[in-house]
Amino acid sequence: MKVLFKIFLTLLLLIQAPNCPGQNTFRFERMGSEDGLSQNTAFSILFDSKGFMWIGTMNGLNRYDGFEFKIYRSSSENGNNFTNNRVVKLWEDRRGFIWIETYDGYYHFFNPESEVFTSLPYYEGTEVRNGAMQFFVQYSDDEIILGSGISGLYYLKYEPAKNTYRVNHFTEQSENHLSDPRIRFIQKDVNGNIWIGTRNGLNFVSGKDLRNDEFRFSQQFKNTAFTSFCETKTELWFGTENQGIIIFNKNSQTNRNLNKSNTLSLVSDNISNLYITKNRKILVSFEKNGIMVTDSTGLNWRQIRDII
Protein backbone atom coordinates (compact mmCIF):
# COMPACT_ATOMS: atom_id res chain seq x y z
CA MET A 1 0.00 0.00 0.00
CA LYS A 2 2.90 2.35 0.69
CA VAL A 3 4.18 1.84 -2.84
CA LEU A 4 0.77 2.47 -4.36
CA PHE A 5 0.26 5.58 -2.21
CA LYS A 6 3.63 6.98 -3.24
CA ILE A 7 2.87 6.42 -6.93
CA PHE A 8 -0.48 8.15 -6.44
CA LEU A 9 1.21 11.18 -4.88
CA THR A 10 3.70 11.27 -7.75
CA LEU A 11 0.87 11.32 -10.30
CA LEU A 12 -0.80 14.17 -8.43
CA LEU A 13 2.42 16.14 -8.73
CA LEU A 14 2.70 15.34 -12.43
CA ILE A 15 -0.77 16.64 -13.31
CA GLN A 16 -2.89 18.96 -11.18
CA ALA A 17 -6.15 20.55 -12.27
CA PRO A 18 -7.42 23.11 -9.71
CA ASN A 19 -11.14 23.76 -9.53
CA CYS A 20 -11.09 27.27 -11.00
CA PRO A 21 -14.13 28.54 -12.97
CA GLY A 22 -13.35 28.80 -16.67
CA GLN A 23 -9.68 27.88 -16.25
CA ASN A 24 -7.65 24.68 -15.99
CA THR A 25 -4.05 24.90 -14.83
CA PHE A 26 -1.77 21.91 -15.40
CA ARG A 27 1.43 21.36 -13.48
CA PHE A 28 4.04 18.91 -14.79
CA GLU A 29 7.03 17.44 -13.03
CA ARG A 30 9.79 15.95 -15.14
CA MET A 31 11.75 12.83 -14.25
CA GLY A 32 14.89 12.12 -16.25
CA SER A 33 18.33 10.59 -16.12
CA GLU A 34 19.38 13.07 -13.44
CA ASP A 35 16.72 11.48 -11.20
CA GLY A 36 17.91 7.93 -11.86
CA LEU A 37 16.09 7.03 -15.11
CA SER A 38 18.41 4.92 -17.26
CA GLN A 39 17.81 6.99 -20.42
CA ASN A 40 15.65 9.96 -21.38
CA THR A 41 14.06 8.38 -24.48
CA ALA A 42 11.07 6.39 -23.21
CA PHE A 43 9.14 4.10 -25.57
CA SER A 44 6.53 2.65 -23.19
CA ILE A 45 5.10 3.00 -19.67
CA LEU A 46 3.21 0.46 -17.55
CA PHE A 47 1.55 0.75 -14.12
CA ASP A 48 1.38 -2.82 -12.79
CA SER A 49 -1.07 -4.40 -10.33
CA LYS A 50 1.41 -4.01 -7.44
CA GLY A 51 1.69 -0.25 -7.86
CA PHE A 52 5.05 -0.09 -9.62
CA MET A 53 5.64 2.09 -12.66
CA TRP A 54 7.71 0.46 -15.43
CA ILE A 55 9.41 2.50 -18.14
CA GLY A 56 10.96 1.02 -21.26
CA THR A 57 13.72 3.20 -22.69
CA MET A 58 16.39 3.26 -25.37
CA ASN A 59 18.85 1.97 -22.78
CA GLY A 60 17.20 -0.38 -20.29
CA LEU A 61 14.07 -1.21 -18.34
CA ASN A 62 13.22 0.92 -15.27
CA ARG A 63 11.02 0.11 -12.27
CA TYR A 64 9.93 3.06 -10.16
CA ASP A 65 8.52 2.49 -6.65
CA GLY A 66 7.70 6.12 -5.91
CA PHE A 67 11.08 6.75 -4.29
CA GLU A 68 13.76 5.52 -6.67
CA PHE A 69 14.44 3.69 -9.92
CA LYS A 70 15.70 0.14 -10.27
CA ILE A 71 17.31 -0.46 -13.64
CA TYR A 72 17.43 -3.74 -15.57
CA ARG A 73 19.75 -4.06 -18.56
CA SER A 74 20.76 -6.65 -21.08
CA SER A 75 23.83 -8.66 -20.16
CA SER A 76 25.67 -11.26 -22.24
CA GLU A 77 27.13 -12.70 -19.02
CA ASN A 78 23.73 -13.15 -17.36
CA GLY A 79 21.54 -15.78 -19.02
CA ASN A 80 18.58 -14.71 -16.87
CA ASN A 81 18.48 -11.27 -18.45
CA PHE A 82 16.92 -9.97 -21.66
CA THR A 83 18.53 -9.60 -25.07
CA ASN A 84 18.48 -5.91 -26.03
CA ASN A 85 18.46 -2.68 -24.03
CA ARG A 86 15.94 -0.99 -26.32
CA VAL A 87 12.57 -1.85 -24.71
CA VAL A 88 9.74 -0.98 -27.09
CA LYS A 89 6.60 -2.44 -25.40
CA LEU A 90 5.44 -3.36 -21.89
CA TRP A 91 2.40 -5.21 -20.57
CA GLU A 92 1.32 -7.35 -17.60
CA ASP A 93 -0.36 -10.76 -17.81
CA ARG A 94 -3.06 -12.11 -15.50
CA ARG A 95 -0.51 -13.81 -13.25
CA GLY A 96 1.36 -10.57 -12.61
CA PHE A 97 4.36 -11.34 -14.85
CA ILE A 98 5.74 -8.30 -16.64
CA TRP A 99 6.26 -8.76 -20.38
CA ILE A 100 8.62 -6.72 -22.50
CA GLU A 101 9.29 -6.63 -26.20
CA THR A 102 12.80 -5.59 -27.20
CA TYR A 103 13.91 -4.00 -30.45
CA ASP A 104 15.46 -7.23 -31.74
CA GLY A 105 12.07 -8.94 -31.89
CA TYR A 106 12.20 -11.03 -28.70
CA TYR A 107 9.48 -11.28 -26.05
CA HIS A 108 10.61 -11.60 -22.41
CA PHE A 109 8.62 -12.28 -19.25
CA PHE A 110 9.85 -11.12 -15.86
CA ASN A 111 9.14 -13.22 -12.78
CA PRO A 112 8.56 -10.66 -9.98
CA GLU A 113 9.42 -13.23 -7.29
CA SER A 114 12.76 -14.51 -8.66
CA GLU A 115 13.47 -11.35 -10.74
CA VAL A 116 14.46 -13.62 -13.66
CA PHE A 117 13.75 -12.82 -17.32
CA THR A 118 12.89 -15.59 -19.78
CA SER A 119 13.36 -14.84 -23.48
CA LEU A 120 11.24 -16.23 -26.32
CA PRO A 121 12.43 -17.48 -28.74
CA TYR A 122 15.06 -18.99 -26.46
CA TYR A 123 18.16 -16.85 -26.78
CA GLU A 124 21.20 -18.62 -28.20
CA GLY A 125 23.36 -15.61 -28.91
CA THR A 126 22.15 -15.26 -32.50
CA GLU A 127 20.42 -12.35 -34.14
CA VAL A 128 16.67 -12.54 -34.76
CA ARG A 129 15.33 -9.92 -37.14
CA ASN A 130 12.76 -7.41 -35.87
CA GLY A 131 9.24 -8.76 -35.56
CA ALA A 132 10.25 -12.34 -34.80
CA MET A 133 7.56 -12.54 -32.10
CA GLN A 134 4.28 -11.01 -33.21
CA PHE A 135 1.29 -12.57 -31.42
CA PHE A 136 0.29 -12.73 -27.73
CA VAL A 137 -2.96 -14.46 -26.74
CA GLN A 138 -3.96 -14.64 -23.05
CA TYR A 139 -6.04 -17.79 -23.43
CA SER A 140 -6.90 -18.12 -19.72
CA ASP A 141 -5.51 -16.96 -16.37
CA ASP A 142 -2.93 -19.76 -16.53
CA GLU A 143 -2.36 -20.13 -20.29
CA ILE A 144 -0.66 -17.92 -22.87
CA ILE A 145 -0.11 -18.63 -26.56
CA LEU A 146 2.61 -16.81 -28.46
CA GLY A 147 3.29 -16.80 -32.17
CA SER A 148 6.24 -15.94 -34.35
CA GLY A 149 6.50 -15.12 -38.01
CA ILE A 150 9.72 -17.11 -38.01
CA SER A 151 9.99 -19.71 -35.26
CA GLY A 152 6.51 -21.17 -34.75
CA LEU A 153 4.21 -21.31 -31.73
CA TYR A 154 4.81 -21.25 -27.95
CA TYR A 155 2.29 -22.56 -25.42
CA LEU A 156 2.85 -21.38 -21.82
CA LYS A 157 1.11 -23.03 -18.85
CA TYR A 158 1.50 -21.60 -15.35
CA GLU A 159 2.87 -24.02 -12.73
CA PRO A 160 2.01 -22.81 -9.20
CA ALA A 161 4.60 -25.01 -7.47
CA LYS A 162 7.42 -23.35 -9.42
CA ASN A 163 5.72 -19.96 -9.83
CA THR A 164 6.66 -19.80 -13.49
CA TYR A 165 5.51 -20.99 -16.89
CA ARG A 166 6.11 -24.33 -18.52
CA VAL A 167 6.96 -23.56 -22.15
CA ASN A 168 6.17 -25.88 -25.06
CA HIS A 169 7.51 -24.95 -28.48
CA PHE A 170 5.90 -26.17 -31.71
CA THR A 171 7.32 -25.95 -35.24
CA GLU A 172 6.85 -27.98 -38.44
CA GLN A 173 9.50 -30.40 -37.11
CA SER A 174 7.91 -31.12 -33.72
CA GLU A 175 6.33 -34.52 -33.05
CA ASN A 176 3.04 -32.67 -32.64
CA HIS A 177 3.71 -30.18 -35.39
CA LEU A 178 2.41 -27.10 -37.12
CA SER A 179 1.87 -27.07 -40.86
CA ASP A 180 4.38 -24.21 -41.09
CA PRO A 181 6.37 -22.18 -38.50
CA ARG A 182 5.63 -18.87 -40.26
CA ILE A 183 2.54 -17.80 -38.34
CA ARG A 184 0.22 -15.10 -39.74
CA PHE A 185 -2.41 -15.04 -36.97
CA ILE A 186 -3.55 -16.75 -33.76
CA GLN A 187 -7.23 -16.38 -32.82
CA LYS A 188 -9.46 -17.77 -30.08
CA ASP A 189 -13.09 -18.26 -31.17
CA VAL A 190 -16.16 -17.91 -28.94
CA ASN A 191 -16.08 -21.65 -28.15
CA GLY A 192 -12.50 -21.51 -26.88
CA ASN A 193 -10.95 -23.14 -29.95
CA ILE A 194 -7.65 -21.84 -31.29
CA TRP A 195 -7.06 -21.17 -35.00
CA ILE A 196 -3.51 -20.62 -36.28
CA GLY A 197 -3.06 -19.35 -39.82
CA THR A 198 0.35 -19.86 -41.42
CA ARG A 199 2.08 -19.32 -44.75
CA ASN A 200 1.26 -22.95 -45.52
CA GLY A 201 -2.02 -24.15 -44.04
CA LEU A 202 -4.52 -23.62 -41.23
CA ASN A 203 -4.09 -25.29 -37.83
CA PHE A 204 -6.86 -25.99 -35.31
CA VAL A 205 -6.64 -26.79 -31.57
CA SER A 206 -9.92 -27.63 -29.83
CA GLY A 207 -10.93 -25.93 -26.60
CA LYS A 208 -11.77 -29.38 -25.19
CA ASP A 209 -8.18 -30.55 -25.69
CA LEU A 210 -6.84 -27.42 -24.03
CA ARG A 211 -9.11 -27.95 -21.03
CA ASN A 212 -7.62 -31.46 -20.74
CA ASP A 213 -4.09 -29.96 -20.83
CA GLU A 214 -3.47 -31.27 -24.34
CA PHE A 215 -2.26 -29.32 -27.34
CA ARG A 216 -2.94 -31.21 -30.57
CA PHE A 217 -3.05 -29.72 -34.06
CA SER A 218 -5.54 -30.57 -36.77
CA GLN A 219 -4.25 -29.29 -40.11
CA GLN A 220 -6.41 -28.02 -42.96
CA PHE A 221 -5.97 -26.35 -46.36
CA LYS A 222 -2.33 -27.25 -46.86
CA ASN A 223 -0.56 -25.23 -49.58
CA THR A 224 -2.79 -22.23 -48.79
CA ALA A 225 -1.22 -19.07 -47.40
CA PHE A 226 -3.49 -17.55 -44.74
CA THR A 227 -3.40 -13.89 -43.73
CA SER A 228 -6.30 -12.95 -41.42
CA PHE A 229 -9.37 -13.99 -39.40
CA CYS A 230 -12.71 -12.68 -38.19
CA GLU A 231 -15.77 -14.28 -36.58
CA THR A 232 -19.50 -13.69 -36.99
CA LYS A 233 -22.27 -15.32 -34.94
CA THR A 234 -22.43 -18.33 -37.25
CA GLU A 235 -19.23 -18.30 -39.29
CA LEU A 236 -15.46 -17.99 -39.24
CA TRP A 237 -13.91 -16.00 -42.10
CA PHE A 238 -10.31 -16.70 -43.15
CA GLY A 239 -8.45 -14.38 -45.50
CA THR A 240 -5.87 -15.92 -47.82
CA GLU A 241 -3.01 -14.66 -49.95
CA ASN A 242 -4.32 -15.84 -53.31
CA GLN A 243 -7.57 -17.80 -52.83
CA GLY A 244 -9.92 -15.12 -51.58
CA ILE A 245 -11.90 -15.77 -48.37
CA ILE A 246 -12.60 -19.25 -46.97
CA ILE A 247 -15.73 -19.25 -44.77
CA PHE A 248 -16.48 -21.99 -42.22
CA ASN A 249 -20.05 -22.43 -40.99
CA LYS A 250 -20.01 -23.39 -37.29
CA ASN A 251 -23.44 -25.02 -37.39
CA SER A 252 -23.22 -27.12 -40.56
CA GLN A 253 -19.43 -27.65 -40.31
CA THR A 254 -19.10 -26.83 -44.03
CA ASN A 255 -16.90 -24.44 -45.99
CA ARG A 256 -17.62 -21.99 -48.77
CA ASN A 257 -15.28 -19.77 -50.73
CA LEU A 258 -15.53 -16.17 -51.91
CA ASN A 259 -13.18 -15.32 -54.77
CA LYS A 260 -13.10 -13.37 -58.03
CA SER A 261 -14.47 -16.27 -60.03
CA ASN A 262 -17.73 -16.50 -58.03
CA THR A 263 -17.97 -12.94 -56.65
CA LEU A 264 -17.58 -10.51 -59.52
CA SER A 265 -17.44 -7.36 -57.35
CA LEU A 266 -14.44 -8.68 -55.37
CA VAL A 267 -11.42 -6.67 -56.53
CA SER A 268 -8.75 -9.28 -55.65
CA ASP A 269 -8.15 -12.72 -54.15
CA ASN A 270 -5.20 -11.38 -52.15
CA ILE A 271 -6.73 -10.54 -48.75
CA SER A 272 -4.54 -8.65 -46.28
CA ASN A 273 -6.96 -8.13 -43.36
CA LEU A 274 -10.50 -8.82 -42.10
CA TYR A 275 -12.34 -6.76 -39.49
CA ILE A 276 -15.92 -6.76 -38.10
CA THR A 277 -17.44 -3.43 -37.11
CA LYS A 278 -19.88 -2.84 -34.23
CA ASN A 279 -22.83 -2.94 -36.64
CA ARG A 280 -21.60 -6.35 -37.93
CA LYS A 281 -20.28 -5.11 -41.26
CA ILE A 282 -17.12 -6.83 -42.48
CA LEU A 283 -14.24 -4.70 -43.71
CA VAL A 284 -11.88 -6.43 -46.12
CA SER A 285 -8.54 -4.93 -47.14
CA PHE A 286 -6.65 -6.12 -50.19
CA GLU A 287 -2.99 -6.12 -51.11
CA LYS A 288 -2.56 -2.95 -53.21
CA ASN A 289 -6.32 -2.79 -53.91
CA GLY A 290 -7.82 -0.73 -51.09
CA ILE A 291 -10.71 -1.65 -48.78
CA MET A 292 -14.23 -2.98 -49.36
CA VAL A 293 -17.20 -3.61 -47.06
CA THR A 294 -19.75 -6.43 -47.08
CA ASP A 295 -22.32 -8.07 -44.79
CA SER A 296 -22.17 -11.58 -43.34
CA THR A 297 -23.64 -13.08 -46.53
CA GLY A 298 -20.72 -11.88 -48.63
CA LEU A 299 -23.11 -11.13 -51.49
CA ASN A 300 -23.09 -7.32 -51.51
CA TRP A 301 -19.80 -5.44 -51.80
CA ARG A 302 -19.02 -1.73 -51.83
CA GLN A 303 -15.86 0.31 -51.93
CA ILE A 304 -15.14 1.86 -48.53
CA ARG A 305 -15.57 5.39 -49.93
CA ASP A 306 -19.26 4.64 -50.53
CA ILE A 307 -20.04 4.37 -46.79
CA ILE A 308 -17.97 7.23 -45.40
Foldseek 3Di string as FASTA:
>chain_A
DVLQVLLVVQVCQQFPFDPDPPDTDTHHDDDAVVQPPPHRAWQDWDQFPVGWIWTQGQAFIWIDSNRGIDTAGDDPVDLQGDDHSHWHDWDAALLGWIWTAHQQAWIWTAQPVVRGIAIPVHDDPDGHHHQQWPDWDCLDSFWIKTAGQAFAIWIWGADVVVRGTDIDGEACPDPQHDLHRRWQDWDQDPQRKIWTFGQFWIWIFHNVCVVVVHGHIDTDRGPWHWHEWDDDPFWIWTQTQAFAIWIAGNPVRDIDGDACVVAVPDPGSGWHYWDADPVQWIWTQHDVPAIWIDHPVPRDIDGPVVVD
